[in-house]
């Protein structure tokens, strides 16, 4: 499996796409999938993740130990999924270019806020 993640540089990028110079656009385009949003290969063990989570939860109850993945991680993942869903519904695909939210449009919850939670 592979995952693409946003680099710190991408999070700090402060460019309005409507006012960016040709050089800025070309620089971002050339580095987008290699440096700004790089892809990483992940090893995913074979098995049923939900069954493993249930076993871990049952063991935590029996032994009093903590679960491997706390509920806060699930909450954070759900918050990201809901934000993505809301942002997808907010985009009007038939809208004029100026009506389409840009990467600089404020999100419902920022990645920084989510990481701080």
PDB file of N, CA and C in Angstrom:
ATOM      1  N   UNK A   1       0.849  -1.182   0.000  1.00  0.00           N
ATOM      2  CA  UNK A   1       0.000   0.000   0.000  1.00  0.00           C
ATOM      3  C   UNK A   1       0.886   1.234   0.000  1.00  0.00           C
ATOM      4  N   UNK A   2       0.348   2.300  -0.518  1.00  0.00           N
ATOM      5  CA  UNK A   2       1.099   3.547  -0.504  1.00  0.00           C
ATOM      6  C   UNK A   2       0.217   4.657   0.048  1.00  0.00           C
ATOM      7  N   UNK A   3       0.874   5.663   0.587  1.00  0.00           N
ATOM      8  CA  UNK A   3       0.170   6.809   1.155  1.00  0.00           C
ATOM      9  C   UNK A   3       0.907   8.075   0.741  1.00  0.00           C
ATOM     10  N   UNK A   4       0.158   9.104   0.477  1.00  0.00           N
ATOM     11  CA  UNK A   4       0.767  10.393   0.177  1.00  0.00           C
ATOM     12  C   UNK A   4       0.503  11.301   1.361  1.00  0.00           C
ATOM     13  N   UNK A   5       1.547  11.970   1.826  1.00  0.00           N
ATOM     14  CA  UNK A   5       1.402  12.849   2.980  1.00  0.00           C
ATOM     15  C   UNK A   5       1.891  14.244   2.635  1.00  0.00           C
ATOM     16  N   UNK A   6       1.342  15.201   3.327  1.00  0.00           N
ATOM     17  CA  UNK A   6       1.699  16.593   3.109  1.00  0.00           C
ATOM     18  C   UNK A   6       2.955  16.920   3.898  1.00  0.00           C
ATOM     19  N   UNK A   7       3.952  17.463   3.234  1.00  0.00           N
ATOM     20  CA  UNK A   7       5.204  17.828   3.902  1.00  0.00           C
ATOM     21  C   UNK A   7       5.018  19.112   4.699  1.00  0.00           C
ATOM     22  N   UNK A   8       5.935  19.351   5.641  1.00  0.00           N
ATOM     23  CA  UNK A   8       5.906  20.598   6.411  1.00  0.00           C
ATOM     24  C   UNK A   8       6.020  21.801   5.483  1.00  0.00           C
ATOM     25  N   UNK A   9       6.840  21.668   4.450  1.00  0.00           N
ATOM     26  CA  UNK A   9       7.000  22.769   3.498  1.00  0.00           C
ATOM     27  C   UNK A   9       5.669  23.102   2.826  1.00  0.00           C
ATOM     28  N   UNK A  10       4.895  22.083   2.488  1.00  0.00           N
ATOM     29  CA  UNK A  10       3.598  22.311   1.855  1.00  0.00           C
ATOM     30  C   UNK A  10       2.653  23.021   2.811  1.00  0.00           C
ATOM     31  N   UNK A  11       2.680  22.626   4.089  1.00  0.00           N
ATOM     32  CA  UNK A  11       1.815  23.264   5.078  1.00  0.00           C
ATOM     33  C   UNK A  11       2.166  24.732   5.270  1.00  0.00           C
ATOM     34  N   UNK A  12       3.439  25.066   5.095  1.00  0.00           N
ATOM     35  CA  UNK A  12       3.897  26.443   5.279  1.00  0.00           C
ATOM     36  C   UNK A  12       3.758  27.287   4.015  1.00  0.00           C
ATOM     37  N   UNK A  13       3.480  26.646   2.890  1.00  0.00           N
ATOM     38  CA  UNK A  13       3.407  27.349   1.615  1.00  0.00           C
ATOM     39  C   UNK A  13       2.303  28.400   1.656  1.00  0.00           C
ATOM     40  N   UNK A  14       2.638  29.627   1.294  1.00  0.00           N
ATOM     41  CA  UNK A  14       1.678  30.727   1.343  1.00  0.00           C
ATOM     42  C   UNK A  14       1.643  31.413  -0.022  1.00  0.00           C
ATOM     43  N   UNK A  15       0.980  30.757  -0.961  1.00  0.00           N
ATOM     44  CA  UNK A  15       0.900  31.287  -2.320  1.00  0.00           C
ATOM     45  C   UNK A  15      -0.562  31.274  -2.753  1.00  0.00           C
ATOM     46  N   UNK A  16      -1.015  32.395  -3.257  1.00  0.00           N
ATOM     47  CA  UNK A  16      -2.354  32.471  -3.818  1.00  0.00           C
ATOM     48  C   UNK A  16      -2.256  32.009  -5.269  1.00  0.00           C
ATOM     49  N   UNK A  17      -2.898  30.891  -5.629  1.00  0.00           N
ATOM     50  CA  UNK A  17      -2.756  30.361  -6.984  1.00  0.00           C
ATOM     51  C   UNK A  17      -3.217  31.332  -8.068  1.00  0.00           C
ATOM     52  N   UNK A  18      -4.123  32.232  -7.731  1.00  0.00           N
ATOM     53  CA  UNK A  18      -4.604  33.185  -8.728  1.00  0.00           C
ATOM     54  C   UNK A  18      -3.591  34.291  -9.000  1.00  0.00           C
ATOM     55  N   UNK A  19      -2.687  34.537  -8.042  1.00  0.00           N
ATOM     56  CA  UNK A  19      -1.696  35.604  -8.197  1.00  0.00           C
ATOM     57  C   UNK A  19      -0.268  35.083  -8.333  1.00  0.00           C
ATOM     58  N   UNK A  20      -0.093  33.776  -8.363  1.00  0.00           N
ATOM     59  CA  UNK A  20       1.257  33.203  -8.421  1.00  0.00           C
ATOM     60  C   UNK A  20       1.902  33.484  -9.773  1.00  0.00           C
ATOM     61  N   UNK A  21       3.201  33.697  -9.726  1.00  0.00           N
ATOM     62  CA  UNK A  21       3.943  33.920 -10.967  1.00  0.00           C
ATOM     63  C   UNK A  21       4.118  32.589 -11.696  1.00  0.00           C
ATOM     64  N   UNK A  22       4.461  32.667 -12.951  1.00  0.00           N
ATOM     65  CA  UNK A  22       4.715  31.458 -13.739  1.00  0.00           C
ATOM     66  C   UNK A  22       5.840  30.650 -13.115  1.00  0.00           C
ATOM     67  N   UNK A  23       6.883  31.330 -12.643  1.00  0.00           N
ATOM     68  CA  UNK A  23       8.021  30.638 -12.019  1.00  0.00           C
ATOM     69  C   UNK A  23       7.582  29.901 -10.754  1.00  0.00           C
ATOM     70  N   UNK A  24       6.735  30.543  -9.927  1.00  0.00           N
ATOM     71  CA  UNK A  24       6.248  29.892  -8.702  1.00  0.00           C
ATOM     72  C   UNK A  24       5.417  28.663  -9.049  1.00  0.00           C
ATOM     73  N   UNK A  25       4.543  28.801 -10.024  1.00  0.00           N
ATOM     74  CA  UNK A  25       3.704  27.668 -10.430  1.00  0.00           C
ATOM     75  C   UNK A  25       4.545  26.515 -10.969  1.00  0.00           C
ATOM     76  N   UNK A  26       5.544  26.829 -11.782  1.00  0.00           N
ATOM     77  CA  UNK A  26       6.409  25.783 -12.339  1.00  0.00           C
ATOM     78  C   UNK A  26       7.223  25.104 -11.249  1.00  0.00           C
ATOM     79  N   UNK A  27       7.709  25.877 -10.279  1.00  0.00           N
ATOM     80  CA  UNK A  27       8.483  25.305  -9.175  1.00  0.00           C
ATOM     81  C   UNK A  27       7.631  24.346  -8.356  1.00  0.00           C
ATOM     82  N   UNK A  28       6.425  24.768  -8.037  1.00  0.00           N
ATOM     83  CA  UNK A  28       5.526  23.912  -7.261  1.00  0.00           C
ATOM     84  C   UNK A  28       5.154  22.675  -8.067  1.00  0.00           C
ATOM     85  N   UNK A  29       4.837  22.858  -9.329  1.00  0.00           N
ATOM     86  CA  UNK A  29       4.458  21.735 -10.181  1.00  0.00           C
ATOM     87  C   UNK A  29       5.581  20.699 -10.278  1.00  0.00           C
ATOM     88  N   UNK A  30       6.809  21.165 -10.423  1.00  0.00           N
ATOM     89  CA  UNK A  30       7.951  20.255 -10.568  1.00  0.00           C
ATOM     90  C   UNK A  30       8.219  19.463  -9.293  1.00  0.00           C
ATOM     91  N   UNK A  31       7.903  20.040  -8.144  1.00  0.00           N
ATOM     92  CA  UNK A  31       8.218  19.400  -6.858  1.00  0.00           C
ATOM     93  C   UNK A  31       7.003  18.811  -6.155  1.00  0.00           C
ATOM     94  N   UNK A  32       5.822  18.939  -6.748  1.00  0.00           N
ATOM     95  CA  UNK A  32       4.600  18.620  -6.021  1.00  0.00           C
ATOM     96  C   UNK A  32       4.578  17.195  -5.473  1.00  0.00           C
ATOM     97  N   UNK A  33       4.745  16.203  -6.332  1.00  0.00           N
ATOM     98  CA  UNK A  33       4.622  14.815  -5.878  1.00  0.00           C
ATOM     99  C   UNK A  33       5.935  14.215  -5.379  1.00  0.00           C
ATOM    100  N   UNK A  34       7.026  14.956  -5.455  1.00  0.00           N
ATOM    101  CA  UNK A  34       8.298  14.432  -4.960  1.00  0.00           C
ATOM    102  C   UNK A  34       8.678  15.024  -3.611  1.00  0.00           C
ATOM    103  N   UNK A  35       8.398  16.317  -3.406  1.00  0.00           N
ATOM    104  CA  UNK A  35       8.804  16.978  -2.167  1.00  0.00           C
ATOM    105  C   UNK A  35       7.631  17.500  -1.343  1.00  0.00           C
ATOM    106  N   UNK A  36       6.623  18.070  -1.990  1.00  0.00           N
ATOM    107  CA  UNK A  36       5.536  18.712  -1.260  1.00  0.00           C
ATOM    108  C   UNK A  36       4.484  17.721  -0.775  1.00  0.00           C
ATOM    109  N   UNK A  37       4.140  16.758  -1.604  1.00  0.00           N
ATOM    110  CA  UNK A  37       3.176  15.717  -1.233  1.00  0.00           C
ATOM    111  C   UNK A  37       3.764  14.371  -1.665  1.00  0.00           C
ATOM    112  N   UNK A  38       4.814  13.932  -0.972  1.00  0.00           N
ATOM    113  CA  UNK A  38       5.503  12.707  -1.399  1.00  0.00           C
ATOM    114  C   UNK A  38       4.699  11.441  -1.089  1.00  0.00           C
ATOM    115  N   UNK A  39       4.967  10.414  -1.883  1.00  0.00           N
ATOM    116  CA  UNK A  39       4.331   9.108  -1.696  1.00  0.00           C
ATOM    117  C   UNK A  39       5.290   8.203  -0.928  1.00  0.00           C
ATOM    118  N   UNK A  40       4.746   7.464   0.022  1.00  0.00           N
ATOM    119  CA  UNK A  40       5.526   6.493   0.793  1.00  0.00           C
ATOM    120  C   UNK A  40       4.870   5.129   0.654  1.00  0.00           C
ATOM    121  N   UNK A  41       5.692   4.123   0.533  1.00  0.00           N
ATOM    122  CA  UNK A  41       5.184   2.756   0.511  1.00  0.00           C
ATOM    123  C   UNK A  41       5.090   2.248   1.947  1.00  0.00           C
ATOM    124  N   UNK A  42       3.977   1.622   2.275  1.00  0.00           N
ATOM    125  CA  UNK A  42       3.755   1.072   3.606  1.00  0.00           C
ATOM    126  C   UNK A  42       3.599  -0.433   3.506  1.00  0.00           C
ATOM    127  N   UNK A  43       4.113  -1.122   4.502  1.00  0.00           N
ATOM    128  CA  UNK A  43       3.871  -2.558   4.551  1.00  0.00           C
ATOM    129  C   UNK A  43       2.618  -2.782   5.396  1.00  0.00           C
ATOM    130  N   UNK A  44       1.690  -3.508   4.838  1.00  0.00           N
ATOM    131  CA  UNK A  44       0.427  -3.778   5.518  1.00  0.00           C
ATOM    132  C   UNK A  44       0.366  -5.273   5.788  1.00  0.00           C
ATOM    133  N   UNK A  45       0.326  -5.647   7.069  1.00  0.00           N
ATOM    134  CA  UNK A  45       0.277  -7.074   7.375  1.00  0.00           C
ATOM    135  C   UNK A  45      -1.039  -7.698   6.909  1.00  0.00           C
ATOM    136  N   UNK A  46      -0.961  -8.935   6.481  1.00  0.00           N
ATOM    137  CA  UNK A  46      -2.164  -9.656   6.071  1.00  0.00           C
ATOM    138  C   UNK A  46      -3.022  -9.918   7.301  1.00  0.00           C
ATOM    139  N   UNK A  47      -4.314  -9.942   7.130  1.00  0.00           N
ATOM    140  CA  UNK A  47      -5.200 -10.240   8.245  1.00  0.00           C
ATOM    141  C   UNK A  47      -6.399  -9.315   8.271  1.00  0.00           C
ATOM    142  N   UNK A  48      -7.244  -9.546   9.251  1.00  0.00           N
ATOM    143  CA  UNK A  48      -8.465  -8.777   9.423  1.00  0.00           C
ATOM    144  C   UNK A  48      -8.222  -7.711  10.486  1.00  0.00           C
ATOM    145  N   UNK A  49      -8.110  -6.468  10.080  1.00  0.00           N
ATOM    146  CA  UNK A  49      -7.782  -5.378  11.002  1.00  0.00           C
ATOM    147  C   UNK A  49      -8.864  -5.186  12.061  1.00  0.00           C
ATOM    148  N   UNK A  50     -10.123  -5.343  11.688  1.00  0.00           N
ATOM    149  CA  UNK A  50     -11.211  -5.151  12.658  1.00  0.00           C
ATOM    150  C   UNK A  50     -11.181  -6.253  13.707  1.00  0.00           C
ATOM    151  N   UNK A  51     -10.969  -7.500  13.280  1.00  0.00           N
ATOM    152  CA  UNK A  51     -10.879  -8.602  14.244  1.00  0.00           C
ATOM    153  C   UNK A  51      -9.691  -8.397  15.178  1.00  0.00           C
ATOM    154  N   UNK A  52      -8.565  -7.931  14.648  1.00  0.00           N
ATOM    155  CA  UNK A  52      -7.391  -7.658  15.488  1.00  0.00           C
ATOM    156  C   UNK A  52      -7.687  -6.565  16.501  1.00  0.00           C
ATOM    157  N   UNK A  53      -8.414  -5.542  16.069  1.00  0.00           N
ATOM    158  CA  UNK A  53      -8.770  -4.455  16.979  1.00  0.00           C
ATOM    159  C   UNK A  53      -9.693  -4.956  18.086  1.00  0.00           C
ATOM    160  N   UNK A  54     -10.620  -5.829  17.738  1.00  0.00           N
ATOM    161  CA  UNK A  54     -11.517  -6.405  18.748  1.00  0.00           C
ATOM    162  C   UNK A  54     -10.739  -7.247  19.754  1.00  0.00           C
ATOM    163  N   UNK A  55      -9.789  -8.053  19.252  1.00  0.00           N
ATOM    164  CA  UNK A  55      -8.963  -8.859  20.166  1.00  0.00           C
ATOM    165  C   UNK A  55      -8.153  -7.956  21.095  1.00  0.00           C
ATOM    166  N   UNK A  56      -7.579  -6.895  20.544  1.00  0.00           N
ATOM    167  CA  UNK A  56      -6.794  -5.955  21.342  1.00  0.00           C
ATOM    168  C   UNK A  56      -7.664  -5.306  22.409  1.00  0.00           C
ATOM    169  N   UNK A  57      -8.881  -4.927  22.049  1.00  0.00           N
ATOM    170  CA  UNK A  57      -9.800  -4.298  22.996  1.00  0.00           C
ATOM    171  C   UNK A  57     -10.169  -5.271  24.114  1.00  0.00           C
ATOM    172  N   UNK A  58     -10.476  -6.520  23.740  1.00  0.00           N
ATOM    173  CA  UNK A  58     -10.824  -7.529  24.750  1.00  0.00           C
ATOM    174  C   UNK A  58      -9.644  -7.788  25.684  1.00  0.00           C
ATOM    175  N   UNK A  59      -8.438  -7.841  25.139  1.00  0.00           N
ATOM    176  CA  UNK A  59      -7.250  -8.055  25.964  1.00  0.00           C
ATOM    177  C   UNK A  59      -7.029  -6.872  26.907  1.00  0.00           C
ATOM    178  N   UNK A  60      -7.267  -5.670  26.437  1.00  0.00           N
ATOM    179  CA  UNK A  60      -7.099  -4.485  27.279  1.00  0.00           C
ATOM    180  C   UNK A  60      -8.074  -4.520  28.447  1.00  0.00           C
ATOM    181  N   UNK A  61      -9.297  -4.955  28.188  1.00  0.00           N
ATOM    182  CA  UNK A  61     -10.286  -5.062  29.263  1.00  0.00           C
ATOM    183  C   UNK A  61      -9.857  -6.129  30.260  1.00  0.00           C
ATOM    184  N   UNK A  62      -9.386  -7.271  29.762  1.00  0.00           N
ATOM    185  CA  UNK A  62      -8.989  -8.390  30.632  1.00  0.00           C
ATOM    186  C   UNK A  62      -7.762  -8.078  31.470  1.00  0.00           C
ATOM    187  N   UNK A  63      -6.795  -7.379  30.896  1.00  0.00           N
ATOM    188  CA  UNK A  63      -5.516  -7.159  31.580  1.00  0.00           C
ATOM    189  C   UNK A  63      -5.379  -5.777  32.198  1.00  0.00           C
ATOM    190  N   UNK A  64      -6.253  -4.848  31.816  1.00  0.00           N
ATOM    191  CA  UNK A  64      -6.133  -3.484  32.319  1.00  0.00           C
ATOM    192  C   UNK A  64      -5.105  -2.647  31.577  1.00  0.00           C
ATOM    193  N   UNK A  65      -4.511  -3.226  30.537  1.00  0.00           N
ATOM    194  CA  UNK A  65      -3.534  -2.477  29.744  1.00  0.00           C
ATOM    195  C   UNK A  65      -4.255  -1.563  28.755  1.00  0.00           C
ATOM    196  N   UNK A  66      -3.514  -0.632  28.193  1.00  0.00           N
ATOM    197  CA  UNK A  66      -4.078   0.274  27.192  1.00  0.00           C
ATOM    198  C   UNK A  66      -4.205  -0.438  25.852  1.00  0.00           C
ATOM    199  N   UNK A  67      -5.160   0.012  25.054  1.00  0.00           N
ATOM    200  CA  UNK A  67      -5.298  -0.514  23.696  1.00  0.00           C
ATOM    201  C   UNK A  67      -4.175   0.049  22.838  1.00  0.00           C
ATOM    202  N   UNK A  68      -3.852  -0.648  21.748  1.00  0.00           N
ATOM    203  CA  UNK A  68      -2.777  -0.182  20.869  1.00  0.00           C
ATOM    204  C   UNK A  68      -3.150   1.111  20.156  1.00  0.00           C
ATOM    205  N   UNK A  69      -4.413   1.236  19.757  1.00  0.00           N
ATOM    206  CA  UNK A  69      -4.877   2.441  19.053  1.00  0.00           C
ATOM    207  C   UNK A  69      -6.009   3.049  19.876  1.00  0.00           C
ATOM    208  N   UNK A  70      -5.754   4.211  20.499  1.00  0.00           N
ATOM    209  CA  UNK A  70      -6.782   4.813  21.353  1.00  0.00           C
ATOM    210  C   UNK A  70      -7.940   5.402  20.548  1.00  0.00           C
ATOM    211  N   UNK A  71      -9.048   5.610  21.207  1.00  0.00           N
ATOM    212  CA  UNK A  71     -10.230   6.176  20.566  1.00  0.00           C
ATOM    213  C   UNK A  71      -9.987   7.549  19.972  1.00  0.00           C
ATOM    214  N   UNK A  72      -9.044   8.294  20.541  1.00  0.00           N
ATOM    215  CA  UNK A  72      -8.750   9.631  20.002  1.00  0.00           C
ATOM    216  C   UNK A  72      -8.225   9.542  18.571  1.00  0.00           C
ATOM    217  N   UNK A  73      -7.506   8.472  18.246  1.00  0.00           N
ATOM    218  CA  UNK A  73      -7.011   8.302  16.875  1.00  0.00           C
ATOM    219  C   UNK A  73      -8.181   8.077  15.921  1.00  0.00           C
ATOM    220  N   UNK A  74      -9.160   7.312  16.350  1.00  0.00           N
ATOM    221  CA  UNK A  74     -10.355   7.106  15.540  1.00  0.00           C
ATOM    222  C   UNK A  74     -11.144   8.389  15.370  1.00  0.00           C
ATOM    223  N   UNK A  75     -11.234   9.154  16.456  1.00  0.00           N
ATOM    224  CA  UNK A  75     -11.926  10.444  16.390  1.00  0.00           C
ATOM    225  C   UNK A  75     -11.247  11.373  15.385  1.00  0.00           C
ATOM    226  N   UNK A  76      -9.921  11.430  15.439  1.00  0.00           N
ATOM    227  CA  UNK A  76      -9.170  12.296  14.527  1.00  0.00           C
ATOM    228  C   UNK A  76      -9.339  11.853  13.074  1.00  0.00           C
ATOM    229  N   UNK A  77      -9.324  10.544  12.848  1.00  0.00           N
ATOM    230  CA  UNK A  77      -9.507  10.030  11.485  1.00  0.00           C
ATOM    231  C   UNK A  77     -10.905  10.366  10.971  1.00  0.00           C
ATOM    232  N   UNK A  78     -11.892  10.255  11.840  1.00  0.00           N
ATOM    233  CA  UNK A  78     -13.260  10.597  11.452  1.00  0.00           C
ATOM    234  C   UNK A  78     -13.383  12.086  11.145  1.00  0.00           C
ATOM    235  N   UNK A  79     -12.726  12.935  11.935  1.00  0.00           N
ATOM    236  CA  UNK A  79     -12.757  14.385  11.689  1.00  0.00           C
ATOM    237  C   UNK A  79     -12.182  14.713  10.317  1.00  0.00           C
ATOM    238  N   UNK A  80     -11.088  14.067   9.958  1.00  0.00           N
ATOM    239  CA  UNK A  80     -10.478  14.298   8.643  1.00  0.00           C
ATOM    240  C   UNK A  80     -11.420  13.820   7.538  1.00  0.00           C
ATOM    241  N   UNK A  81     -12.000  12.632   7.707  1.00  0.00           N
ATOM    242  CA  UNK A  81     -12.911  12.095   6.691  1.00  0.00           C
ATOM    243  C   UNK A  81     -14.127  12.999   6.506  1.00  0.00           C
ATOM    244  N   UNK A  82     -14.678  13.509   7.608  1.00  0.00           N
ATOM    245  CA  UNK A  82     -15.835  14.401   7.515  1.00  0.00           C
ATOM    246  C   UNK A  82     -15.468  15.721   6.852  1.00  0.00           C
ATOM    247  N   UNK A  83     -14.290  16.237   7.155  1.00  0.00           N
ATOM    248  CA  UNK A  83     -13.853  17.478   6.515  1.00  0.00           C
ATOM    249  C   UNK A  83     -13.699  17.283   5.014  1.00  0.00           C
ATOM    250  N   UNK A  84     -13.105  16.172   4.617  1.00  0.00           N
ATOM    251  CA  UNK A  84     -12.946  15.886   3.187  1.00  0.00           C
ATOM    252  C   UNK A  84     -14.312  15.798   2.519  1.00  0.00           C
ATOM    253  N   UNK A  85     -15.235  15.097   3.158  1.00  0.00           N
ATOM    254  CA  UNK A  85     -16.577  14.953   2.593  1.00  0.00           C
ATOM    255  C   UNK A  85     -17.256  16.316   2.451  1.00  0.00           C
ATOM    256  N   UNK A  86     -17.168  17.149   3.481  1.00  0.00           N
ATOM    257  CA  UNK A  86     -17.792  18.472   3.429  1.00  0.00           C
ATOM    258  C   UNK A  86     -17.154  19.348   2.357  1.00  0.00           C
ATOM    259  N   UNK A  87     -15.842  19.276   2.234  1.00  0.00           N
ATOM    260  CA  UNK A  87     -15.159  20.095   1.228  1.00  0.00           C
ATOM    261  C   UNK A  87     -15.505  19.628  -0.184  1.00  0.00           C
ATOM    262  N   UNK A  88     -15.651  18.322  -0.378  1.00  0.00           N
ATOM    263  CA  UNK A  88     -16.038  17.820  -1.696  1.00  0.00           C
ATOM    264  C   UNK A  88     -17.436  18.299  -2.074  1.00  0.00           C
ATOM    265  N   UNK A  89     -18.344  18.323  -1.107  1.00  0.00           N
ATOM    266  CA  UNK A  89     -19.703  18.784  -1.383  1.00  0.00           C
ATOM    267  C   UNK A  89     -19.762  20.294  -1.566  1.00  0.00           C
ATOM    268  N   UNK A  90     -18.790  21.021  -1.023  1.00  0.00           N
ATOM    269  CA  UNK A  90     -18.784  22.483  -1.118  1.00  0.00           C
ATOM    270  C   UNK A  90     -18.326  22.969  -2.483  1.00  0.00           C
ATOM    271  N   UNK A  91     -17.605  22.148  -3.212  1.00  0.00           N
ATOM    272  CA  UNK A  91     -17.073  22.551  -4.517  1.00  0.00           C
ATOM    273  C   UNK A  91     -18.160  22.396  -5.572  1.00  0.00           C
ATOM    274  N   UNK A  92     -18.437  23.482  -6.267  1.00  0.00           N
ATOM    275  CA  UNK A  92     -19.364  23.428  -7.399  1.00  0.00           C
ATOM    276  C   UNK A  92     -18.534  23.209  -8.645  1.00  0.00           C
ATOM    277  N   UNK A  93     -18.670  22.065  -9.247  1.00  0.00           N
ATOM    278  CA  UNK A  93     -17.840  21.729 -10.402  1.00  0.00           C
ATOM    279  C   UNK A  93     -18.204  22.528 -11.645  1.00  0.00           C
ATOM    280  N   UNK A  94     -19.407  23.117 -11.662  1.00  0.00           N
ATOM    281  CA  UNK A  94     -19.796  23.926 -12.807  1.00  0.00           C
ATOM    282  C   UNK A  94     -19.620  25.418 -12.534  1.00  0.00           C
ATOM    283  N   UNK A  95     -19.020  25.758 -11.390  1.00  0.00           N
ATOM    284  CA  UNK A  95     -18.848  27.158 -11.001  1.00  0.00           C
ATOM    285  C   UNK A  95     -17.723  27.795 -11.803  1.00  0.00           C
ATOM    286  N   UNK A  96     -17.777  29.125 -11.966  1.00  0.00           N
ATOM    287  CA  UNK A  96     -16.646  29.803 -12.611  1.00  0.00           C
ATOM    288  C   UNK A  96     -15.384  29.630 -11.781  1.00  0.00           C
ATOM    289  N   UNK A  97     -14.237  29.790 -12.420  1.00  0.00           N
ATOM    290  CA  UNK A  97     -12.958  29.542 -11.752  1.00  0.00           C
ATOM    291  C   UNK A  97     -12.831  30.288 -10.427  1.00  0.00           C
ATOM    292  N   UNK A  98     -13.314  31.524 -10.360  1.00  0.00           N
ATOM    293  CA  UNK A  98     -13.156  32.306  -9.129  1.00  0.00           C
ATOM    294  C   UNK A  98     -14.020  31.773  -7.997  1.00  0.00           C
ATOM    295  N   UNK A  99     -15.013  30.933  -8.293  1.00  0.00           N
ATOM    296  CA  UNK A  99     -15.862  30.395  -7.242  1.00  0.00           C
ATOM    297  C   UNK A  99     -15.373  29.085  -6.663  1.00  0.00           C
ATOM    298  N   UNK A 100     -14.319  28.540  -7.215  1.00  0.00           N
ATOM    299  CA  UNK A 100     -13.798  27.260  -6.740  1.00  0.00           C
ATOM    300  C   UNK A 100     -12.845  27.509  -5.585  1.00  0.00           C
ATOM    301  N   UNK A 101     -13.065  26.849  -4.429  1.00  0.00           N
ATOM    302  CA  UNK A 101     -12.148  27.051  -3.305  1.00  0.00           C
ATOM    303  C   UNK A 101     -10.723  26.684  -3.693  1.00  0.00           C
ATOM    304  N   UNK A 102      -9.787  27.489  -3.268  1.00  0.00           N
ATOM    305  CA  UNK A 102      -8.375  27.229  -3.539  1.00  0.00           C
ATOM    306  C   UNK A 102      -7.742  26.576  -2.323  1.00  0.00           C
ATOM    307  N   UNK A 103      -6.498  26.105  -2.436  1.00  0.00           N
ATOM    308  CA  UNK A 103      -5.812  25.544  -1.271  1.00  0.00           C
ATOM    309  C   UNK A 103      -5.682  26.554  -0.133  1.00  0.00           C
ATOM    310  N   UNK A 104      -5.807  27.845  -0.434  1.00  0.00           N
ATOM    311  CA  UNK A 104      -5.704  28.862   0.613  1.00  0.00           C
ATOM    312  C   UNK A 104      -7.038  29.176   1.273  1.00  0.00           C
ATOM    313  N   UNK A 105      -8.136  28.555   0.812  1.00  0.00           N
ATOM    314  CA  UNK A 105      -9.430  28.756   1.437  1.00  0.00           C
ATOM    315  C   UNK A 105      -9.385  28.128   2.826  1.00  0.00           C
ATOM    316  N   UNK A 106      -9.832  28.846   3.869  1.00  0.00           N
ATOM    317  CA  UNK A 106      -9.784  28.271   5.213  1.00  0.00           C
ATOM    318  C   UNK A 106     -10.588  26.977   5.289  1.00  0.00           C
ATOM    319  N   UNK A 107     -10.007  25.982   5.894  1.00  0.00           N
ATOM    320  CA  UNK A 107     -10.682  24.700   6.070  1.00  0.00           C
ATOM    321  C   UNK A 107     -11.599  24.785   7.285  1.00  0.00           C
ATOM    322  N   UNK A 108     -12.518  23.832   7.396  1.00  0.00           N
ATOM    323  CA  UNK A 108     -13.380  23.779   8.567  1.00  0.00           C
ATOM    324  C   UNK A 108     -12.547  23.554   9.820  1.00  0.00           C
ATOM    325  N   UNK A 109     -11.530  22.727   9.708  1.00  0.00           N
ATOM    326  CA  UNK A 109     -10.566  22.515  10.785  1.00  0.00           C
ATOM    327  C   UNK A 109      -9.216  22.351  10.094  1.00  0.00           C
ATOM    328  N   UNK A 110      -8.238  23.070  10.558  1.00  0.00           N
ATOM    329  CA  UNK A 110      -6.938  22.998   9.897  1.00  0.00           C
ATOM    330  C   UNK A 110      -6.173  21.763  10.356  1.00  0.00           C
ATOM    331  N   UNK A 111      -5.197  21.355   9.566  1.00  0.00           N
ATOM    332  CA  UNK A 111      -4.350  20.229   9.960  1.00  0.00           C
ATOM    333  C   UNK A 111      -3.613  20.549  11.248  1.00  0.00           C
ATOM    334  N   UNK A 112      -3.212  21.804  11.429  1.00  0.00           N
ATOM    335  CA  UNK A 112      -2.530  22.187  12.666  1.00  0.00           C
ATOM    336  C   UNK A 112      -3.448  22.016  13.875  1.00  0.00           C
ATOM    337  N   UNK A 113      -4.721  22.431  13.740  1.00  0.00           N
ATOM    338  CA  UNK A 113      -5.665  22.271  14.838  1.00  0.00           C
ATOM    339  C   UNK A 113      -5.881  20.792  15.140  1.00  0.00           C
ATOM    340  N   UNK A 114      -5.980  19.999  14.098  1.00  0.00           N
ATOM    341  CA  UNK A 114      -6.195  18.571  14.284  1.00  0.00           C
ATOM    342  C   UNK A 114      -5.000  17.934  14.976  1.00  0.00           C
ATOM    343  N   UNK A 115      -3.791  18.306  14.577  1.00  0.00           N
ATOM    344  CA  UNK A 115      -2.593  17.755  15.207  1.00  0.00           C
ATOM    345  C   UNK A 115      -2.456  18.207  16.649  1.00  0.00           C
ATOM    346  N   UNK A 116      -2.975  19.399  16.978  1.00  0.00           N
ATOM    347  CA  UNK A 116      -2.879  19.913  18.342  1.00  0.00           C
ATOM    348  C   UNK A 116      -3.907  19.265  19.263  1.00  0.00           C
ATOM    349  N   UNK A 117      -4.965  18.689  18.691  1.00  0.00           N
ATOM    350  CA  UNK A 117      -6.043  18.097  19.508  1.00  0.00           C
ATOM    351  C   UNK A 117      -5.588  16.828  20.194  1.00  0.00           C
TER     352      UNK A 117
END
